[in-house]
PDB file of N, CA and C in Angstrom:
ATOM      1  N   MET A   1     -21.516   6.887 -31.557  1.00  0.00           N
ATOM      2  CA  MET A   1     -21.952   5.521 -30.358  1.00  0.00           C
ATOM      3  C   MET A   1     -19.733   4.701 -29.804  1.00  0.00           C
ATOM      4  N   THR A   2     -20.146   4.972 -28.619  1.00  0.00           N
ATOM      5  CA  THR A   2     -19.120   4.808 -27.816  1.00  0.00           C
ATOM      6  C   THR A   2     -18.848   3.438 -27.393  1.00  0.00           C
ATOM      7  N   ARG A   3     -17.577   2.755 -27.127  1.00  0.00           N
ATOM      8  CA  ARG A   3     -17.799   1.189 -26.533  1.00  0.00           C
ATOM      9  C   ARG A   3     -16.390   1.314 -25.703  1.00  0.00           C
ATOM     10  N   THR A   4     -17.146   0.321 -24.524  1.00  0.00           N
ATOM     11  CA  THR A   4     -16.594   0.419 -23.507  1.00  0.00           C
ATOM     12  C   THR A   4     -15.329  -0.795 -23.695  1.00  0.00           C
ATOM     13  N   ALA A   5     -14.275  -1.108 -23.373  1.00  0.00           N
ATOM     14  CA  ALA A   5     -13.628  -2.534 -23.456  1.00  0.00           C
ATOM     15  C   ALA A   5     -14.097  -3.168 -22.293  1.00  0.00           C
ATOM     16  N   ALA A   6     -14.633  -4.427 -22.896  1.00  0.00           N
ATOM     17  CA  ALA A   6     -15.024  -5.560 -22.166  1.00  0.00           C
ATOM     18  C   ALA A   6     -13.684  -6.067 -20.999  1.00  0.00           C
ATOM     19  N   THR A   7     -13.940  -6.905 -19.703  1.00  0.00           N
ATOM     20  CA  THR A   7     -13.227  -7.730 -19.114  1.00  0.00           C
ATOM     21  C   THR A   7     -13.193  -8.486 -19.647  1.00  0.00           C
ATOM     22  N   ARG A   8     -11.518  -8.997 -19.617  1.00  0.00           N
ATOM     23  CA  ARG A   8     -11.427 -10.572 -20.094  1.00  0.00           C
ATOM     24  C   ARG A   8     -11.904 -11.420 -18.967  1.00  0.00           C
ATOM     25  N   ARG A   9     -11.849 -12.487 -19.199  1.00  0.00           N
ATOM     26  CA  ARG A   9     -12.292 -13.806 -18.073  1.00  0.00           C
ATOM     27  C   ARG A   9     -11.584 -14.851 -18.647  1.00  0.00           C
ATOM     28  N   HIS A  10     -10.764 -15.374 -17.210  1.00  0.00           N
ATOM     29  CA  HIS A  10      -9.736 -16.337 -17.514  1.00  0.00           C
ATOM     30  C   HIS A  10     -10.625 -17.812 -17.067  1.00  0.00           C
ATOM     31  N   MET A  11     -10.168 -18.385 -18.693  1.00  0.00           N
ATOM     32  CA  MET A  11     -11.212 -19.514 -18.848  1.00  0.00           C
ATOM     33  C   MET A  11     -10.080 -20.403 -17.636  1.00  0.00           C
ATOM     34  N   PRO A  12     -10.905 -21.390 -16.890  1.00  0.00           N
ATOM     35  CA  PRO A  12      -9.960 -22.509 -16.181  1.00  0.00           C
ATOM     36  C   PRO A  12      -9.184 -23.511 -16.693  1.00  0.00           C
ATOM     37  N   THR A  13     -10.041 -23.692 -18.214  1.00  0.00           N
ATOM     38  CA  THR A  13      -8.754 -24.644 -18.893  1.00  0.00           C
ATOM     39  C   THR A  13      -7.742 -24.266 -19.649  1.00  0.00           C
ATOM     40  N   SER A  14      -7.222 -22.547 -19.085  1.00  0.00           N
ATOM     41  CA  SER A  14      -6.301 -22.007 -19.991  1.00  0.00           C
ATOM     42  C   SER A  14      -5.196 -22.678 -19.806  1.00  0.00           C
ATOM     43  N   PRO A  15      -3.789 -22.661 -20.794  1.00  0.00           N
ATOM     44  CA  PRO A  15      -2.958 -22.842 -19.853  1.00  0.00           C
ATOM     45  C   PRO A  15      -2.268 -22.014 -19.741  1.00  0.00           C
ATOM     46  N   PHE A  16      -2.847 -20.439 -19.699  1.00  0.00           N
ATOM     47  CA  PHE A  16      -1.952 -19.687 -19.248  1.00  0.00           C
ATOM     48  C   PHE A  16      -2.242 -19.183 -17.919  1.00  0.00           C
ATOM     49  N   LYS A  17      -1.249 -18.266 -17.162  1.00  0.00           N
ATOM     50  CA  LYS A  17      -1.826 -18.177 -15.529  1.00  0.00           C
ATOM     51  C   LYS A  17      -3.169 -17.047 -15.667  1.00  0.00           C
ATOM     52  N   ALA A  18      -3.802 -17.159 -14.311  1.00  0.00           N
ATOM     53  CA  ALA A  18      -4.521 -16.374 -14.242  1.00  0.00           C
ATOM     54  C   ALA A  18      -3.900 -14.938 -14.235  1.00  0.00           C
ATOM     55  N   PRO A  19      -4.566 -13.749 -14.438  1.00  0.00           N
ATOM     56  CA  PRO A  19      -4.319 -12.444 -13.983  1.00  0.00           C
ATOM     57  C   PRO A  19      -3.993 -12.314 -12.291  1.00  0.00           C
ATOM     58  N   ALA A  20      -3.427 -11.642 -11.983  1.00  0.00           N
ATOM     59  CA  ALA A  20      -2.543 -11.867 -10.537  1.00  0.00           C
ATOM     60  C   ALA A  20      -3.522 -10.454  -9.978  1.00  0.00           C
ATOM     61  N   ALA A  21      -4.199 -10.756  -8.681  1.00  0.00           N
ATOM     62  CA  ALA A  21      -5.226  -9.905  -7.998  1.00  0.00           C
ATOM     63  C   ALA A  21      -4.707  -8.778  -7.956  1.00  0.00           C
ATOM     64  N   PRO A  22      -5.238  -7.856  -7.625  1.00  0.00           N
ATOM     65  CA  PRO A  22      -4.704  -6.680  -6.670  1.00  0.00           C
ATOM     66  C   PRO A  22      -3.958  -6.689  -5.579  1.00  0.00           C
ATOM     67  N   PRO A  23      -2.757  -5.768  -5.009  1.00  0.00           N
ATOM     68  CA  PRO A  23      -2.519  -6.361  -3.840  1.00  0.00           C
ATOM     69  C   PRO A  23      -3.265  -5.073  -2.959  1.00  0.00           C
ATOM     70  N   THR A  24      -3.284  -6.165  -1.935  1.00  0.00           N
ATOM     71  CA  THR A  24      -4.298  -5.693  -0.707  1.00  0.00           C
ATOM     72  C   THR A  24      -3.112  -4.509  -0.169  1.00  0.00           C
ATOM     73  N   PRO A  25      -3.759  -3.570  -0.009  1.00  0.00           N
ATOM     74  CA  PRO A  25      -3.567  -1.930   0.448  1.00  0.00           C
ATOM     75  C   PRO A  25      -2.191  -2.482   2.230  1.00  0.00           C
ATOM     76  N   GLU A  26      -1.786  -2.402   3.150  1.00  0.00           N
ATOM     77  CA  GLU A  26      -1.525  -2.650   3.968  1.00  0.00           C
ATOM     78  C   GLU A  26      -1.678  -1.706   5.200  1.00  0.00           C
ATOM     79  N   THR A  27      -2.458  -2.349   5.982  1.00  0.00           N
ATOM     80  CA  THR A  27      -2.941  -1.531   6.896  1.00  0.00           C
ATOM     81  C   THR A  27      -1.534  -0.820   8.401  1.00  0.00           C
ATOM     82  N   PHE A  28      -2.043   0.299   8.781  1.00  0.00           N
ATOM     83  CA  PHE A  28      -0.564   0.660  10.103  1.00  0.00           C
ATOM     84  C   PHE A  28      -1.855   0.698  11.292  1.00  0.00           C
ATOM     85  N   VAL A  29      -1.551   0.561  12.496  1.00  0.00           N
ATOM     86  CA  VAL A  29      -1.354   0.703  13.455  1.00  0.00           C
ATOM     87  C   VAL A  29      -0.703   1.990  14.709  1.00  0.00           C
ATOM     88  N   VAL A  30      -1.062   2.898  15.196  1.00  0.00           N
ATOM     89  CA  VAL A  30      -0.071   3.259  16.227  1.00  0.00           C
ATOM     90  C   VAL A  30       0.655   2.723  16.972  1.00  0.00           C
ATOM     91  N   GLY A  31       1.714   2.579  16.633  1.00  0.00           N
ATOM     92  CA  GLY A  31       2.879   1.612  17.512  1.00  0.00           C
ATOM     93  C   GLY A  31       3.416   0.799  16.803  1.00  0.00           C
ATOM     94  N   ASP A  32       2.977   0.520  15.267  1.00  0.00           N
ATOM     95  CA  ASP A  32       4.298  -0.378  14.443  1.00  0.00           C
ATOM     96  C   ASP A  32       5.478   0.323  13.976  1.00  0.00           C
ATOM     97  N   MET A  33       6.331  -0.361  13.890  1.00  0.00           N
ATOM     98  CA  MET A  33       7.494   0.090  13.636  1.00  0.00           C
ATOM     99  C   MET A  33       7.958   0.108  11.798  1.00  0.00           C
ATOM    100  N   VAL A  34       8.168   1.070  11.474  1.00  0.00           N
ATOM    101  CA  VAL A  34       8.793   0.767   9.499  1.00  0.00           C
ATOM    102  C   VAL A  34      10.017   1.296   9.395  1.00  0.00           C
ATOM    103  N   THR A  35       9.831   0.930   8.237  1.00  0.00           N
ATOM    104  CA  THR A  35      11.462   1.374   7.273  1.00  0.00           C
ATOM    105  C   THR A  35      10.445   1.936   5.891  1.00  0.00           C
ATOM    106  N   ASP A  36      11.527   3.394   5.896  1.00  0.00           N
ATOM    107  CA  ASP A  36      11.655   3.859   4.411  1.00  0.00           C
ATOM    108  C   ASP A  36      12.240   3.854   3.940  1.00  0.00           C
ATOM    109  N   ASP A  37      12.149   4.129   2.747  1.00  0.00           N
ATOM    110  CA  ASP A  37      13.752   4.557   1.831  1.00  0.00           C
ATOM    111  C   ASP A  37      13.953   5.343   2.116  1.00  0.00           C
ATOM    112  N   GLN A  38      13.886   6.400   2.171  1.00  0.00           N
ATOM    113  CA  GLN A  38      14.107   7.761   2.135  1.00  0.00           C
ATOM    114  C   GLN A  38      14.592   8.203   3.730  1.00  0.00           C
ATOM    115  N   TYR A  39      13.717   7.709   4.718  1.00  0.00           N
ATOM    116  CA  TYR A  39      13.385   8.484   6.027  1.00  0.00           C
ATOM    117  C   TYR A  39      14.557   7.236   6.690  1.00  0.00           C
ATOM    118  N   GLY A  40      14.062   5.912   6.381  1.00  0.00           N
ATOM    119  CA  GLY A  40      15.264   5.282   7.687  1.00  0.00           C
ATOM    120  C   GLY A  40      13.767   4.400   8.152  1.00  0.00           C
ATOM    121  N   LEU A  41      14.304   4.020   9.716  1.00  0.00           N
ATOM    122  CA  LEU A  41      13.276   3.371  10.743  1.00  0.00           C
ATOM    123  C   LEU A  41      12.546   4.312  11.145  1.00  0.00           C
ATOM    124  N   GLY A  42      11.637   4.340  11.682  1.00  0.00           N
ATOM    125  CA  GLY A  42       9.880   4.961  12.332  1.00  0.00           C
ATOM    126  C   GLY A  42       9.182   4.001  12.733  1.00  0.00           C
ATOM    127  N   ARG A  43       8.495   5.053  13.721  1.00  0.00           N
ATOM    128  CA  ARG A  43       7.065   4.869  14.348  1.00  0.00           C
ATOM    129  C   ARG A  43       6.247   5.468  14.219  1.00  0.00           C
ATOM    130  N   ILE A  44       4.761   4.534  13.534  1.00  0.00           N
ATOM    131  CA  ILE A  44       3.713   5.067  13.546  1.00  0.00           C
ATOM    132  C   ILE A  44       2.949   6.081  14.713  1.00  0.00           C
ATOM    133  N   THR A  45       2.601   7.048  15.100  1.00  0.00           N
ATOM    134  CA  THR A  45       1.888   7.971  15.612  1.00  0.00           C
ATOM    135  C   THR A  45       0.628   8.400  15.448  1.00  0.00           C
ATOM    136  N   GLY A  46       0.489   8.170  14.477  1.00  0.00           N
ATOM    137  CA  GLY A  46      -1.096   8.564  14.185  1.00  0.00           C
ATOM    138  C   GLY A  46      -1.896   7.944  12.301  1.00  0.00           C
ATOM    139  N   VAL A  47      -2.478   7.582  12.229  1.00  0.00           N
ATOM    140  CA  VAL A  47      -3.521   7.157  11.511  1.00  0.00           C
ATOM    141  C   VAL A  47      -4.770   7.982  10.732  1.00  0.00           C
ATOM    142  N   GLU A  48      -4.638   7.797   9.812  1.00  0.00           N
ATOM    143  CA  GLU A  48      -5.819   8.591   9.518  1.00  0.00           C
ATOM    144  C   GLU A  48      -7.037   7.844   8.399  1.00  0.00           C
ATOM    145  N   GLY A  49      -7.466   7.108   9.032  1.00  0.00           N
ATOM    146  CA  GLY A  49      -8.072   6.266   8.001  1.00  0.00           C
ATOM    147  C   GLY A  49      -7.299   5.736   7.277  1.00  0.00           C
ATOM    148  N   GLU A  50      -7.343   5.362   6.111  1.00  0.00           N
ATOM    149  CA  GLU A  50      -7.045   4.529   5.143  1.00  0.00           C
ATOM    150  C   GLU A  50      -6.281   5.421   4.332  1.00  0.00           C
ATOM    151  N   THR A  51      -6.265   6.624   4.386  1.00  0.00           N
ATOM    152  CA  THR A  51      -5.428   7.487   3.301  1.00  0.00           C
ATOM    153  C   THR A  51      -4.343   8.477   3.567  1.00  0.00           C
ATOM    154  N   ALA A  52      -3.847   8.173   4.731  1.00  0.00           N
ATOM    155  CA  ALA A  52      -2.430   8.573   5.300  1.00  0.00           C
ATOM    156  C   ALA A  52      -1.776   8.107   6.990  1.00  0.00           C
ATOM    157  N   VAL A  53      -0.561   7.991   6.915  1.00  0.00           N
ATOM    158  CA  VAL A  53       0.060   7.442   8.752  1.00  0.00           C
ATOM    159  C   VAL A  53       0.679   8.724   8.977  1.00  0.00           C
ATOM    160  N   MET A  54       0.799   9.402   9.939  1.00  0.00           N
ATOM    161  CA  MET A  54       1.899   9.952  10.885  1.00  0.00           C
ATOM    162  C   MET A  54       2.843   9.237  11.290  1.00  0.00           C
ATOM    163  N   VAL A  55       4.490   9.407  11.126  1.00  0.00           N
ATOM    164  CA  VAL A  55       5.316   8.474  11.226  1.00  0.00           C
ATOM    165  C   VAL A  55       6.713   9.210  11.695  1.00  0.00           C
ATOM    166  N   ASP A  56       7.111   8.996  13.099  1.00  0.00           N
ATOM    167  CA  ASP A  56       7.951   9.396  13.819  1.00  0.00           C
ATOM    168  C   ASP A  56       9.488   8.842  13.181  1.00  0.00           C
ATOM    169  N   PHE A  57      10.382   9.708  12.496  1.00  0.00           N
ATOM    170  CA  PHE A  57      11.206   9.301  12.220  1.00  0.00           C
ATOM    171  C   PHE A  57      12.431   9.700  13.393  1.00  0.00           C
ATOM    172  N   GLY A  58      12.472  10.165  14.760  1.00  0.00           N
ATOM    173  CA  GLY A  58      13.465  10.818  15.262  1.00  0.00           C
ATOM    174  C   GLY A  58      13.695  12.262  14.945  1.00  0.00           C
ATOM    175  N   ALA A  59      14.492  12.255  13.614  1.00  0.00           N
ATOM    176  CA  ALA A  59      14.656  13.910  13.785  1.00  0.00           C
ATOM    177  C   ALA A  59      13.422  14.552  12.954  1.00  0.00           C
ATOM    178  N   ARG A  60      12.305  14.127  12.476  1.00  0.00           N
ATOM    179  CA  ARG A  60      11.125  14.639  12.085  1.00  0.00           C
ATOM    180  C   ARG A  60      10.258  13.848  11.720  1.00  0.00           C
ATOM    181  N   GLN A  61       8.704  14.296  12.012  1.00  0.00           N
ATOM    182  CA  GLN A  61       7.728  13.616  11.422  1.00  0.00           C
ATOM    183  C   GLN A  61       7.313  13.623  10.413  1.00  0.00           C
ATOM    184  N   VAL A  62       6.582  13.130   9.529  1.00  0.00           N
ATOM    185  CA  VAL A  62       6.303  12.760   8.248  1.00  0.00           C
ATOM    186  C   VAL A  62       5.028  12.406   7.879  1.00  0.00           C
ATOM    187  N   ARG A  63       4.266  13.368   7.024  1.00  0.00           N
ATOM    188  CA  ARG A  63       2.929  12.794   7.013  1.00  0.00           C
ATOM    189  C   ARG A  63       3.068  11.706   5.864  1.00  0.00           C
ATOM    190  N   VAL A  64       2.405  10.296   5.721  1.00  0.00           N
ATOM    191  CA  VAL A  64       2.692   9.277   4.427  1.00  0.00           C
ATOM    192  C   VAL A  64       1.426   9.073   3.880  1.00  0.00           C
ATOM    193  N   THR A  65       1.343   9.484   2.284  1.00  0.00           N
ATOM    194  CA  THR A  65       0.007   9.073   2.198  1.00  0.00           C
ATOM    195  C   THR A  65       0.060   7.908   1.280  1.00  0.00           C
ATOM    196  N   THR A  66      -1.479   7.461   0.544  1.00  0.00           N
ATOM    197  CA  THR A  66      -1.636   6.216   0.341  1.00  0.00           C
ATOM    198  C   THR A  66      -1.185   6.685  -1.236  1.00  0.00           C
ATOM    199  N   PRO A  67      -0.215   5.841  -2.200  1.00  0.00           N
ATOM    200  CA  PRO A  67      -0.262   4.353  -1.507  1.00  0.00           C
ATOM    201  C   PRO A  67       1.201   4.445  -1.056  1.00  0.00           C
ATOM    202  N   PHE A  68       1.421   3.211   0.069  1.00  0.00           N
ATOM    203  CA  PHE A  68       2.124   3.362   0.730  1.00  0.00           C
ATOM    204  C   PHE A  68       3.618   2.520   0.328  1.00  0.00           C
ATOM    205  N   SER A  69       3.565   2.639  -1.250  1.00  0.00           N
ATOM    206  CA  SER A  69       4.987   2.139  -1.926  1.00  0.00           C
ATOM    207  C   SER A  69       6.025   1.959  -1.151  1.00  0.00           C
ATOM    208  N   LYS A  70       6.619   2.874  -0.189  1.00  0.00           N
ATOM    209  CA  LYS A  70       7.807   2.766  -0.393  1.00  0.00           C
ATOM    210  C   LYS A  70       8.370   2.852   1.236  1.00  0.00           C
ATOM    211  N   LEU A  71       6.436   2.397   2.365  1.00  0.00           N
ATOM    212  CA  LEU A  71       6.882   1.948   3.699  1.00  0.00           C
ATOM    213  C   LEU A  71       6.478   0.643   3.780  1.00  0.00           C
ATOM    214  N   SER A  72       7.151   0.451   4.474  1.00  0.00           N
ATOM    215  CA  SER A  72       6.637  -1.381   4.859  1.00  0.00           C
ATOM    216  C   SER A  72       7.069  -1.622   6.467  1.00  0.00           C
ATOM    217  N   LYS A  73       6.002  -2.778   6.542  1.00  0.00           N
ATOM    218  CA  LYS A  73       5.899  -2.708   8.342  1.00  0.00           C
ATOM    219  C   LYS A  73       6.989  -3.699   8.775  1.00  0.00           C
ATOM    220  N   LEU A  74       7.822  -3.665   9.822  1.00  0.00           N
ATOM    221  CA  LEU A  74       8.640  -4.168  10.569  1.00  0.00           C
ATOM    222  C   LEU A  74       8.153  -5.523  11.252  1.00  0.00           C
TER     223      LEU A  74
END
């Protein structure tokens, strides 16, 4: 018999902080200015739903897939 872990509920009277909600994924539209840790400043040239974006960094075009952890909107 296998057991599954139950999720813990946060009690309103608990002295501890409630668990943080997962961060919402950032959404991009064509034309947004972005910055990346590795490539620098760029502009969104294409959006493939919520899975990937095409970014023009001047010297090169890069397809960035989710999660967009290193890509931030300016």
